[in-house]
Protein backbone atom coordinates (compact mmCIF):
# COMPACT_ATOMS: atom_id res chain seq x y z
CA MET A 1 -59.38 155.27 103.55
CA PRO A 2 -57.69 158.80 103.93
CA ILE A 3 -58.75 160.02 100.69
CA LYS A 4 -59.22 163.46 99.29
CA CYS A 5 -62.94 163.45 99.00
CA ALA A 6 -65.21 160.60 99.44
CA GLY A 7 -67.15 161.64 96.23
CA ALA A 8 -64.33 160.63 93.85
CA PRO A 9 -65.21 156.70 93.85
CA HIS A 10 -68.33 157.54 93.61
CA LYS A 11 -68.66 159.68 90.54
CA ALA A 12 -66.68 157.46 88.65
CA MET A 13 -69.02 154.87 89.26
CA TYR A 14 -72.29 156.81 88.77
CA LEU A 15 -71.31 158.72 85.58
CA SER A 16 -70.11 155.00 83.85
CA GLY A 17 -73.57 153.54 85.10
CA GLU A 18 -75.29 156.15 83.48
CA ALA A 19 -73.12 156.30 79.96
CA TRP A 20 -73.54 152.57 79.89
CA GLN A 21 -77.53 152.78 80.34
CA ARG A 22 -77.55 155.50 77.38
CA ARG A 23 -75.71 153.08 74.92
CA CYS A 24 -78.28 150.16 76.32
CA VAL A 25 -75.19 148.07 77.52
CA LEU A 26 -75.67 148.35 81.37
CA GLY A 27 -77.54 144.95 81.18
CA ARG A 28 -74.49 143.06 80.27
CA ILE A 29 -71.88 144.87 82.53
CA ASP A 30 -71.52 143.93 86.07
CA ILE A 31 -70.69 146.91 88.21
CA HIS A 32 -68.83 146.56 91.74
CA PHE A 33 -68.43 149.63 94.35
CA ALA A 34 -65.36 147.86 96.79
CA THR A 35 -64.73 150.09 99.53
CA ALA A 36 -62.68 149.59 102.76
CA GLY A 37 -65.63 151.13 104.75
CA PRO A 38 -68.75 149.98 106.10
CA VAL A 39 -71.22 152.28 104.45
CA LEU A 40 -71.79 153.56 101.02
CA PHE A 41 -71.17 157.12 102.50
CA GLY A 42 -70.22 158.71 105.60
CA VAL A 43 -73.17 161.02 106.24
CA LYS A 44 -76.31 159.06 106.33
CA ASP A 45 -78.43 161.66 105.25
CA TYR A 46 -77.38 161.19 101.73
CA ILE A 47 -77.47 157.73 101.38
CA PRO A 48 -81.31 157.22 100.34
CA ALA A 49 -80.79 159.76 97.35
CA LEU A 50 -77.39 157.96 96.70
CA MET A 51 -78.99 154.19 96.84
CA GLU A 52 -81.60 154.99 94.18
CA TYR A 53 -78.92 155.25 91.59
CA VAL A 54 -77.22 151.74 93.05
CA ASP A 55 -80.29 150.37 92.29
CA ARG A 56 -80.70 152.12 88.83
CA TYR A 57 -77.61 151.20 87.60
CA GLY A 58 -77.22 147.64 89.29
CA VAL A 59 -74.20 148.05 91.64
CA SER A 60 -72.86 145.40 93.96
CA LEU A 61 -71.86 147.19 97.20
CA ASP A 62 -68.51 145.47 98.75
CA PHE A 63 -68.24 147.06 102.06
CA HIS A 64 -65.06 146.15 104.27
CA HIS A 65 -62.65 145.53 100.50
CA ASN A 66 -59.72 146.88 101.15
CA LEU A 67 -57.61 146.69 97.77
CA VAL A 68 -54.22 145.33 98.03
CA ALA A 69 -52.92 144.41 94.93
CA VAL A 70 -53.44 144.93 91.24
CA ASP A 71 -52.48 142.37 88.53
CA GLY A 72 -52.85 144.07 85.34
CA PRO A 73 -51.88 141.96 82.89
CA ALA A 74 -54.18 139.34 84.35
CA LYS A 75 -56.89 141.74 85.07
CA VAL A 76 -57.43 140.73 88.45
CA ALA A 77 -57.85 142.99 91.77
CA THR A 78 -57.03 141.49 95.25
CA PHE A 79 -58.93 142.81 98.47
CA GLU A 80 -58.18 141.87 101.81
CA VAL A 81 -62.15 141.52 103.55
CA LYS A 82 -62.03 142.11 107.33
CA ARG A 83 -65.72 142.18 108.67
CA PRO A 84 -66.51 142.87 112.25
CA ASP A 85 -67.76 139.33 113.03
CA ALA A 86 -65.26 137.43 110.62
CA ALA A 87 -61.97 136.54 109.89
CA LEU A 88 -59.70 137.96 107.57
CA LYS A 89 -59.88 136.69 104.09
CA THR A 90 -58.51 137.62 100.69
CA VAL A 91 -61.03 137.76 97.73
CA GLU A 92 -59.41 137.84 93.95
CA MET A 93 -62.18 139.99 91.45
CA PRO A 94 -61.62 140.05 87.99
CA PHE A 95 -61.84 143.10 86.20
CA ASP A 96 -62.55 144.29 82.55
CA MET A 97 -61.94 147.93 83.72
CA LEU A 98 -60.70 149.02 87.49
CA HIS A 99 -60.96 152.74 88.66
CA VAL A 100 -59.23 153.26 91.99
CA CYS A 101 -59.05 155.92 94.69
CA PRO A 102 -55.94 154.89 96.50
CA PRO A 103 -55.09 156.01 100.19
CA GLN A 104 -53.29 159.56 100.41
CA THR A 105 -50.43 160.62 102.91
CA ALA A 106 -49.16 164.27 103.28
CA PRO A 107 -45.55 165.06 101.08
CA ASP A 108 -42.44 163.27 102.89
CA PHE A 109 -41.13 166.45 104.05
CA ILE A 110 -44.19 166.83 105.98
CA ARG A 111 -45.02 163.16 107.24
CA VAL A 112 -41.12 163.14 108.72
CA SER A 113 -41.03 166.66 110.37
CA PRO A 114 -41.73 167.72 113.95
CA LEU A 115 -45.21 169.01 112.72
CA ALA A 116 -46.45 165.71 112.04
CA ASP A 117 -48.52 163.49 114.34
CA ALA A 118 -47.81 159.59 114.47
CA ASP A 119 -49.96 159.09 110.99
CA GLY A 120 -48.09 161.86 109.21
CA TRP A 121 -50.36 164.70 109.26
CA VAL A 122 -49.61 168.44 110.61
CA ASP A 123 -51.11 168.33 114.01
CA VAL A 124 -53.34 171.26 114.43
CA ASP A 125 -56.32 171.96 116.95
CA GLN A 126 -59.46 171.18 115.01
CA ALA A 127 -61.49 174.35 115.76
CA THR A 128 -58.78 177.15 115.31
CA LEU A 129 -56.10 174.80 112.99
CA ARG A 130 -53.53 176.17 114.79
CA HIS A 131 -50.45 173.77 115.90
CA LYS A 132 -51.03 171.93 118.87
CA THR A 133 -47.25 172.16 119.88
CA PHE A 134 -45.77 175.14 117.75
CA TYR A 135 -47.99 178.02 118.31
CA ASN A 136 -46.79 179.72 115.64
CA ILE A 137 -47.67 177.46 113.05
CA TRP A 138 -50.98 177.34 111.90
CA SER A 139 -52.51 174.68 109.03
CA LEU A 140 -55.19 174.18 106.48
CA GLY A 141 -55.89 171.95 103.56
CA ASP A 142 -55.31 168.55 102.53
CA VAL A 143 -51.88 168.14 105.13
CA MET A 144 -53.46 168.71 108.24
CA ASN A 145 -54.95 166.04 110.66
CA ALA A 146 -58.64 167.68 111.20
CA PRO A 147 -61.29 165.12 111.06
CA ASN A 148 -62.89 166.72 108.10
CA ALA A 149 -63.43 166.19 104.23
CA LYS A 150 -60.53 167.05 102.26
CA THR A 151 -61.82 169.11 99.58
CA ALA A 152 -61.51 172.67 98.15
CA ALA A 153 -64.75 173.67 99.47
CA ALA A 154 -63.13 172.91 103.17
CA ALA A 155 -60.24 174.90 102.30
CA ARG A 156 -62.01 177.77 101.22
CA VAL A 157 -63.61 177.95 104.60
CA GLN A 158 -60.63 177.08 106.27
CA ALA A 159 -58.53 179.99 104.83
CA PRO A 160 -60.61 182.68 106.20
CA VAL A 161 -60.61 181.13 109.79
CA VAL A 162 -56.77 180.97 109.67
CA ALA A 163 -56.60 184.69 108.44
CA ALA A 164 -58.35 185.79 111.31
CA ASN A 165 -56.41 183.64 113.84
CA VAL A 166 -52.97 184.82 112.34
CA SER A 167 -53.82 188.29 112.26
CA ALA A 168 -55.04 187.86 116.33
CA ASP A 169 -51.70 186.08 116.69
CA MET A 170 -49.72 189.21 115.23
CA ASP A 171 -51.88 191.61 117.49
CA ASP A 172 -50.80 189.46 120.70
CA HIS A 173 -54.34 188.16 121.12
CA ALA A 174 -55.85 184.58 121.37
CA PRO A 175 -57.42 182.91 118.36
CA THR A 176 -60.85 184.43 117.56
CA ALA A 177 -62.39 182.30 114.53
CA GLN A 178 -62.94 178.54 114.47
CA TYR A 179 -63.45 175.92 111.75
CA ASN A 180 -66.60 173.76 111.86
CA GLY A 181 -65.38 170.86 109.75
CA TYR A 182 -67.52 171.93 106.78
CA GLY A 183 -66.79 170.14 103.34
CA ALA A 184 -68.66 169.75 100.23
CA CYS A 185 -68.51 166.60 98.08
CA PRO A 186 -70.79 167.51 94.85
CA LEU A 187 -71.72 163.47 93.73
CA THR A 188 -72.60 163.93 90.27
CA VAL A 189 -75.16 160.94 90.24
CA GLU A 190 -76.04 161.25 86.21
CA ARG A 191 -76.06 163.81 83.48
CA GLY A 192 -77.45 167.30 84.72
CA LYS A 193 -78.03 166.41 88.26
CA ILE A 194 -76.06 166.04 91.42
CA VAL A 195 -76.41 165.32 94.92
CA LEU A 196 -74.64 168.21 96.99
CA ALA A 197 -73.56 166.81 100.19
CA GLU A 198 -72.67 169.62 102.43
CA PHE A 199 -71.38 168.64 106.19
CA GLY A 200 -69.35 169.60 109.17
CA TYR A 201 -67.66 167.55 112.06
CA GLY A 202 -69.68 164.77 113.66
CA GLY A 203 -71.84 164.54 110.28
CA MET A 204 -73.60 167.72 110.81
CA LEU A 205 -75.65 169.09 107.70
CA LEU A 206 -74.24 172.42 106.58
CA PRO A 207 -76.04 173.83 103.77
CA THR A 208 -75.03 176.70 102.27
CA LEU A 209 -77.95 177.70 100.30
CA PRO A 210 -81.84 177.26 101.51
CA LYS A 211 -83.64 173.94 101.12
CA ALA A 212 -86.07 175.77 98.97
CA LEU A 213 -83.42 176.36 96.38
CA ILE A 214 -81.41 173.26 96.68
CA ASP A 215 -81.99 170.32 98.99
CA GLY A 216 -78.72 168.55 99.29
CA THR A 217 -79.89 165.35 100.12
CA ARG A 218 -81.83 164.77 96.81
CA PRO A 219 -80.56 164.71 93.11
CA SER A 220 -81.23 168.24 91.51
CA ARG A 221 -80.35 170.19 88.17
CA ALA A 222 -80.00 173.53 90.61
CA ALA A 223 -76.55 171.63 92.16
CA TRP A 224 -75.45 170.95 88.80
CA PHE A 225 -76.04 174.50 87.46
CA LEU A 226 -74.38 175.33 90.64
CA LYS A 227 -71.05 173.25 90.09
CA GLU A 228 -70.88 173.74 86.39
CA LYS A 229 -71.65 177.43 86.14
CA ILE A 230 -70.87 179.34 89.58
CA LEU A 231 -67.94 177.52 91.62
CA PRO A 232 -65.63 177.72 88.61
CA PRO A 233 -65.48 181.33 88.50
CA LEU A 234 -65.34 181.27 92.59
CA TYR A 235 -62.39 179.24 92.60
CA TRP A 236 -60.33 180.68 89.57
CA GLN A 237 -61.20 184.63 90.32
CA GLY A 238 -61.48 183.82 94.20
CA MET A 239 -59.75 181.04 95.77
CA LEU A 240 -56.53 181.08 93.65
CA LYS A 241 -56.64 184.88 93.77
CA GLY A 242 -56.79 185.03 97.83
CA ARG A 243 -60.20 186.63 97.51
CA GLU A 244 -63.28 185.16 99.47
CA TRP A 245 -66.83 187.13 99.58
CA MET A 246 -69.07 184.38 101.41
CA VAL A 247 -67.33 182.87 104.04
CA HIS A 248 -67.82 184.28 107.47
CA PRO A 249 -65.66 182.19 110.16
CA GLU A 250 -67.62 181.42 113.32
CA THR A 251 -66.75 183.49 116.13
CA ILE A 252 -65.11 181.46 119.28
CA GLU A 253 -67.11 182.27 122.28
CA PRO A 254 -65.34 183.78 125.36
CA ASP A 255 -65.24 181.52 128.53
């Protein structure tokens, strides 16, 4: 599903499971992770660590489950289930608490404009982030159609790419920087531990720090400290004020 960040439904599940475990009520609670996708997480290197917590919290994984209706008063969620080797069927699932990450779209003024592709996203070259038709337009963030995770970490890396390429364009030069699809999903699996998923196009692992400091494929307190103490100042004092000290865009190699 085109959700903003694949970690959003995960975090709610793991933190709920841990809270119930701490209160010694987890054994009386049936947790289901229903996803329209075929796997727990789109980048396979992070799945083993996440599965440890799925098992710890006794989570049932319901793949190929697309939520189509919610009856709030009756507390019933309806899913369409379409597995590759089976016919479409409808499944009703009762619930006491339901956490939903709905599919997202670009704003209407983008979706109905000449800038959008057939699915309603700004149609850009996934490397330069330049519009495929209107060469004086560049796009970054959640509204463009590059196949990356839509996260703040992605926008932080995209911004210097666009800045470098716009600057080159103003000097009548071809784009000089390219975006590698970087995105990050800090998956909070328990209080004090995070699986820091960092990856680019094609599921390539793109860790920011050396593995000796943070092994993103394993839950760690170092990743928790990074998210709790380091990232907020970078966001408030850096990103929102147009400052970036650590991202150096990849250079486009001349033909």
